[in-house]
């Protein structure tokens, strides 16, 4: 019963979450409707033969940044931000690493 009363008990949070879900669906819709083309400037820059240099530099910057950041954050106790920052480092590192692998193997 609480689920049906949610829009009335917490209207701001409910409609904000509905709007955010709508934005995600809208982004997915625009991405699905876009044609398969490489005419966009930033796409050409990351798919050029020099992309491996870009992703190598990105990987080194990522490693140094998160290596230094995780050393500065206290990692004792349950309320430490260490885990959240490490999770962000994990996700961003995955995409940077996959970009590096894609640019090197793709040639």
Protein backbone atom coordinates (compact mmCIF):
# COMPACT_ATOMS: atom_id res chain seq x y z
CA UNK A 1 0.00 0.00 0.00
CA UNK A 2 2.92 2.32 0.68
CA UNK A 3 3.96 2.19 -2.95
CA UNK A 4 0.64 3.65 -4.07
CA UNK A 5 0.83 6.43 -1.48
CA UNK A 6 4.38 7.41 -2.40
CA UNK A 7 3.40 10.22 -4.85
CA UNK A 8 1.29 11.81 -2.12
CA UNK A 9 3.63 11.29 0.83
CA UNK A 10 6.83 12.33 -0.97
CA UNK A 11 5.78 14.23 -4.09
CA UNK A 12 9.11 16.00 -4.76
CA UNK A 13 11.20 12.84 -4.57
CA UNK A 14 8.67 10.86 -6.59
CA UNK A 15 8.40 13.30 -9.48
CA UNK A 16 12.15 13.93 -9.46
CA UNK A 17 12.78 10.21 -9.85
CA UNK A 18 10.14 10.00 -12.59
CA UNK A 19 11.86 12.88 -14.41
CA UNK A 20 15.29 11.27 -14.07
CA UNK A 21 13.95 7.97 -15.42
CA UNK A 22 12.41 9.90 -18.31
CA UNK A 23 15.75 11.52 -19.09
CA UNK A 24 17.45 8.11 -19.17
CA UNK A 25 14.76 6.72 -21.48
CA UNK A 26 15.05 9.83 -23.67
CA UNK A 27 18.82 9.44 -23.98
CA UNK A 28 18.39 5.78 -24.91
CA UNK A 29 15.74 6.72 -27.48
CA UNK A 30 17.95 9.36 -29.11
CA UNK A 31 20.87 6.92 -29.18
CA UNK A 32 18.70 4.23 -30.77
CA UNK A 33 17.38 6.61 -33.42
CA UNK A 34 20.77 7.97 -34.42
CA UNK A 35 22.17 6.60 -37.68
CA UNK A 36 25.34 4.61 -37.88
CA UNK A 37 27.75 7.29 -38.95
CA UNK A 38 31.11 8.63 -37.85
CA UNK A 39 30.67 12.19 -39.01
CA UNK A 40 30.81 13.68 -35.53
CA UNK A 41 34.09 15.41 -34.75
CA UNK A 42 34.77 13.91 -31.29
CA UNK A 43 34.02 10.41 -32.57
CA UNK A 44 36.60 10.83 -35.34
CA UNK A 45 39.16 12.02 -32.77
CA UNK A 46 38.85 8.92 -30.59
CA UNK A 47 38.69 6.50 -33.51
CA UNK A 48 41.69 7.81 -35.40
CA UNK A 49 45.00 5.91 -35.49
CA UNK A 50 46.32 8.26 -32.79
CA UNK A 51 43.62 7.14 -30.34
CA UNK A 52 46.01 4.69 -28.71
CA UNK A 53 48.13 7.66 -27.58
CA UNK A 54 45.04 9.38 -26.19
CA UNK A 55 43.88 6.32 -24.26
CA UNK A 56 47.41 5.59 -23.02
CA UNK A 57 47.65 9.12 -21.62
CA UNK A 58 44.15 8.79 -20.15
CA UNK A 59 45.12 5.50 -18.49
CA UNK A 60 48.28 6.97 -16.96
CA UNK A 61 46.39 10.05 -15.72
CA UNK A 62 43.66 7.80 -14.29
CA UNK A 63 46.19 5.59 -12.48
CA UNK A 64 48.14 8.51 -10.99
CA UNK A 65 45.00 10.46 -10.01
CA UNK A 66 43.17 7.64 -8.28
CA UNK A 67 46.38 6.21 -6.83
CA UNK A 68 47.11 9.54 -5.14
CA UNK A 69 43.47 10.16 -4.18
CA UNK A 70 43.01 6.76 -2.55
CA UNK A 71 46.19 7.27 -0.53
CA UNK A 72 44.91 10.59 0.83
CA UNK A 73 41.48 9.28 1.90
CA UNK A 74 41.27 7.60 5.31
CA UNK A 75 40.37 3.94 4.98
CA UNK A 76 39.40 2.98 8.49
CA UNK A 77 35.87 2.48 9.65
CA UNK A 78 32.57 1.94 7.92
CA UNK A 79 31.88 5.64 7.28
CA UNK A 80 35.01 6.14 5.21
CA UNK A 81 34.62 7.46 1.64
CA UNK A 82 37.35 5.04 0.51
CA UNK A 83 34.91 2.44 -0.82
CA UNK A 84 32.88 4.93 -2.84
CA UNK A 85 35.95 6.46 -4.44
CA UNK A 86 37.34 2.99 -5.16
CA UNK A 87 34.06 2.03 -6.86
CA UNK A 88 34.22 5.15 -9.03
CA UNK A 89 37.85 4.30 -9.84
CA UNK A 90 36.80 0.77 -10.78
CA UNK A 91 34.10 1.90 -13.19
CA UNK A 92 36.12 4.67 -14.82
CA UNK A 93 39.19 2.45 -15.03
CA UNK A 94 37.18 -0.24 -16.80
CA UNK A 95 36.04 2.17 -19.51
CA UNK A 96 39.47 3.75 -19.96
CA UNK A 97 41.10 0.30 -20.12
CA UNK A 98 38.55 -0.97 -22.62
CA UNK A 99 39.13 2.14 -24.73
CA UNK A 100 42.85 1.46 -24.65
CA UNK A 101 42.39 -2.19 -25.63
CA UNK A 102 39.91 -1.24 -28.37
CA UNK A 103 42.25 1.39 -29.84
CA UNK A 104 45.28 -0.92 -29.83
CA UNK A 105 43.59 -4.12 -31.04
CA UNK A 106 41.35 -2.30 -33.52
CA UNK A 107 44.21 -1.54 -35.89
